Amino acid sequence: MNENDLSSDIDDLPDDIDELRREIDRMDAVILAAIQRRSAVSKKIGAARMAAGGPRLVHSREVKVLERFSDLGPEGHTLAMLLLRLGRGPLGGGAASPSAG
């Protein structure tokens, strides 16, 4: 199996609990790496936007991110908000990085 295989077909997975847990651990590593990269890219976009005199936040962009995660239900909204927060940093005062989505 490819390390980055994101196939949703779980019928090919074994029934062994230890192997299934290894699959979850593998997926966690893929998700963590993707979140770290997403956050870094988002911060870079935010820095470029701020340097060009743009707004800290682009509301329409954040709405699109929230909509993308709506398939997961209320938890999807929470997850999207966390991803946006990771990409922009805290909003209250200081040198917070703006959201890039």
C-alpha atoms as a PDB file:
ATOM      1  CA  MET A   1       0.000   0.000   0.000  1.00  0.00           C
ATOM      2  CA  ASN A   2       1.240   3.465  -0.890  1.00  0.00           C
ATOM      3  CA  GLU A   3       2.042   5.512   2.225  1.00  0.00           C
ATOM      4  CA  ASN A   4      -0.186   8.336   0.987  1.00  0.00           C
ATOM      5  CA  ASP A   5      -3.035   6.132  -0.255  1.00  0.00           C
ATOM      6  CA  LEU A   6      -6.222   7.902   0.755  1.00  0.00           C
ATOM      7  CA  SER A   7      -8.643   5.435  -0.775  1.00  0.00           C
ATOM      8  CA  SER A   8     -11.889   5.348   1.142  1.00  0.00           C
ATOM      9  CA  ASP A   9     -12.357   1.634   0.335  1.00  0.00           C
ATOM     10  CA  ILE A  10     -11.735  -0.066   3.658  1.00  0.00           C
ATOM     11  CA  ASP A  11     -12.826  -3.489   2.393  1.00  0.00           C
ATOM     12  CA  ASP A  12      -9.213  -4.133   1.366  1.00  0.00           C
ATOM     13  CA  LEU A  13      -7.979  -3.635   4.916  1.00  0.00           C
ATOM     14  CA  PRO A  14      -7.368  -6.664   7.119  1.00  0.00           C
ATOM     15  CA  ASP A  15      -9.634  -7.439  10.058  1.00  0.00           C
ATOM     16  CA  ASP A  16      -6.720  -7.639  12.489  1.00  0.00           C
ATOM     17  CA  ILE A  17      -7.048  -4.911  15.151  1.00  0.00           C
ATOM     18  CA  ASP A  18      -3.291  -4.335  15.394  1.00  0.00           C
ATOM     19  CA  GLU A  19      -3.024  -3.849  11.639  1.00  0.00           C
ATOM     20  CA  LEU A  20      -6.026  -1.525  11.647  1.00  0.00           C
ATOM     21  CA  ARG A  21      -4.430   0.521  14.427  1.00  0.00           C
ATOM     22  CA  ARG A  22      -1.232   0.754  12.377  1.00  0.00           C
ATOM     23  CA  GLU A  23      -3.366   2.079   9.509  1.00  0.00           C
ATOM     24  CA  ILE A  24      -4.839   4.722  11.810  1.00  0.00           C
ATOM     25  CA  ASP A  25      -1.327   5.665  12.957  1.00  0.00           C
ATOM     26  CA  ARG A  26      -0.249   5.944   9.319  1.00  0.00           C
ATOM     27  CA  MET A  27      -3.228   8.111   8.463  1.00  0.00           C
ATOM     28  CA  ASP A  28      -2.578  10.314  11.509  1.00  0.00           C
ATOM     29  CA  ALA A  29       0.958  10.927  10.219  1.00  0.00           C
ATOM     30  CA  VAL A  30      -0.379  11.867   6.768  1.00  0.00           C
ATOM     31  CA  ILE A  31      -3.017  14.183   8.293  1.00  0.00           C
ATOM     32  CA  LEU A  32      -0.496  15.846  10.614  1.00  0.00           C
ATOM     33  CA  ALA A  33       1.948  16.482   7.763  1.00  0.00           C
ATOM     34  CA  ALA A  34      -0.861  17.921   5.622  1.00  0.00           C
ATOM     35  CA  ILE A  35      -2.036  20.210   8.435  1.00  0.00           C
ATOM     36  CA  GLN A  36       1.497  21.464   9.069  1.00  0.00           C
ATOM     37  CA  ARG A  37       1.995  22.216   5.380  1.00  0.00           C
ATOM     38  CA  ARG A  38      -1.436  23.850   5.091  1.00  0.00           C
ATOM     39  CA  SER A  39      -0.673  26.095   8.063  1.00  0.00           C
ATOM     40  CA  ALA A  40       2.695  27.126   6.637  1.00  0.00           C
ATOM     41  CA  VAL A  41       1.207  27.897   3.210  1.00  0.00           C
ATOM     42  CA  SER A  42      -1.644  29.825   4.808  1.00  0.00           C
ATOM     43  CA  LYS A  43       0.777  31.942   6.844  1.00  0.00           C
ATOM     44  CA  LYS A  44       2.839  32.648   3.723  1.00  0.00           C
ATOM     45  CA  ILE A  45      -0.272  33.784   1.847  1.00  0.00           C
ATOM     46  CA  GLY A  46      -1.250  35.973   4.785  1.00  0.00           C
ATOM     47  CA  ALA A  47       2.184  37.577   4.959  1.00  0.00           C
ATOM     48  CA  ALA A  48       2.127  38.307   1.214  1.00  0.00           C
ATOM     49  CA  ARG A  49      -1.386  39.753   1.443  1.00  0.00           C
ATOM     50  CA  MET A  50      -0.438  41.991   4.385  1.00  0.00           C
ATOM     51  CA  ALA A  51       2.756  43.133   2.629  1.00  0.00           C
ATOM     52  CA  ALA A  52       0.636  44.151  -0.358  1.00  0.00           C
ATOM     53  CA  GLY A  53      -1.625  46.206   1.910  1.00  0.00           C
ATOM     54  CA  GLY A  54      -4.456  43.699   1.868  1.00  0.00           C
ATOM     55  CA  PRO A  55      -6.846  42.902   4.701  1.00  0.00           C
ATOM     56  CA  ARG A  56      -5.930  40.632   7.609  1.00  0.00           C
ATOM     57  CA  LEU A  57      -8.793  38.288   6.813  1.00  0.00           C
ATOM     58  CA  VAL A  58     -10.683  37.479   3.658  1.00  0.00           C
ATOM     59  CA  HIS A  59     -14.140  36.537   4.896  1.00  0.00           C
ATOM     60  CA  SER A  60     -15.323  35.050   1.594  1.00  0.00           C
ATOM     61  CA  ARG A  61     -12.288  32.763   1.512  1.00  0.00           C
ATOM     62  CA  GLU A  62     -12.916  31.564   5.050  1.00  0.00           C
ATOM     63  CA  VAL A  63     -16.564  30.874   4.216  1.00  0.00           C
ATOM     64  CA  LYS A  64     -15.448  28.702   1.290  1.00  0.00           C
ATOM     65  CA  VAL A  65     -13.167  26.720   3.611  1.00  0.00           C
ATOM     66  CA  LEU A  66     -16.035  26.210   6.068  1.00  0.00           C
ATOM     67  CA  GLU A  67     -18.331  25.074   3.246  1.00  0.00           C
ATOM     68  CA  ARG A  68     -15.752  22.548   2.056  1.00  0.00           C
ATOM     69  CA  PHE A  69     -15.803  20.833   5.438  1.00  0.00           C
ATOM     70  CA  SER A  70     -19.606  20.845   5.798  1.00  0.00           C
ATOM     71  CA  ASP A  71     -19.796  17.238   4.551  1.00  0.00           C
ATOM     72  CA  LEU A  72     -18.490  16.239   7.987  1.00  0.00           C
ATOM     73  CA  GLY A  73     -21.417  17.907   9.779  1.00  0.00           C
ATOM     74  CA  PRO A  74     -20.937  20.112  12.848  1.00  0.00           C
ATOM     75  CA  GLU A  75     -17.554  18.528  13.510  1.00  0.00           C
ATOM     76  CA  GLY A  76     -16.480  19.598  10.023  1.00  0.00           C
ATOM     77  CA  HIS A  77     -17.205  23.215  10.909  1.00  0.00           C
ATOM     78  CA  THR A  78     -15.153  22.855  14.090  1.00  0.00           C
ATOM     79  CA  LEU A  79     -12.296  21.228  12.184  1.00  0.00           C
ATOM     80  CA  ALA A  80     -12.337  23.953   9.526  1.00  0.00           C
ATOM     81  CA  MET A  81     -12.271  26.652  12.207  1.00  0.00           C
ATOM     82  CA  LEU A  82      -9.268  24.979  13.833  1.00  0.00           C
ATOM     83  CA  LEU A  83      -7.450  24.801  10.499  1.00  0.00           C
ATOM     84  CA  LEU A  84      -8.184  28.464   9.825  1.00  0.00           C
ATOM     85  CA  ARG A  85      -6.943  29.374  13.298  1.00  0.00           C
ATOM     86  CA  LEU A  86      -3.744  27.376  12.808  1.00  0.00           C
ATOM     87  CA  GLY A  87      -3.123  29.195   9.541  1.00  0.00           C
ATOM     88  CA  ARG A  88      -3.686  32.694  10.879  1.00  0.00           C
ATOM     89  CA  GLY A  89      -2.623  32.466  14.491  1.00  0.00           C
ATOM     90  CA  PRO A  90      -4.610  34.125  17.259  1.00  0.00           C
ATOM     91  CA  LEU A  91      -6.688  37.102  16.159  1.00  0.00           C
ATOM     92  CA  GLY A  92      -6.439  39.205  19.287  1.00  0.00           C
ATOM     93  CA  GLY A  93      -3.624  41.759  19.162  1.00  0.00           C
ATOM     94  CA  GLY A  94       0.062  41.113  18.663  1.00  0.00           C
ATOM     95  CA  ALA A  95       1.708  39.984  15.462  1.00  0.00           C
ATOM     96  CA  ALA A  96      -0.864  37.414  14.453  1.00  0.00           C
ATOM     97  CA  SER A  97      -0.603  35.986  10.984  1.00  0.00           C
ATOM     98  CA  PRO A  98      -3.735  36.533   8.877  1.00  0.00           C
ATOM     99  CA  SER A  99      -5.767  33.659   7.548  1.00  0.00           C
ATOM    100  CA  ALA A 100      -5.260  32.525   4.025  1.00  0.00           C
ATOM    101  CA  GLY A 101      -7.521  29.486   4.137  1.00  0.00           C
END
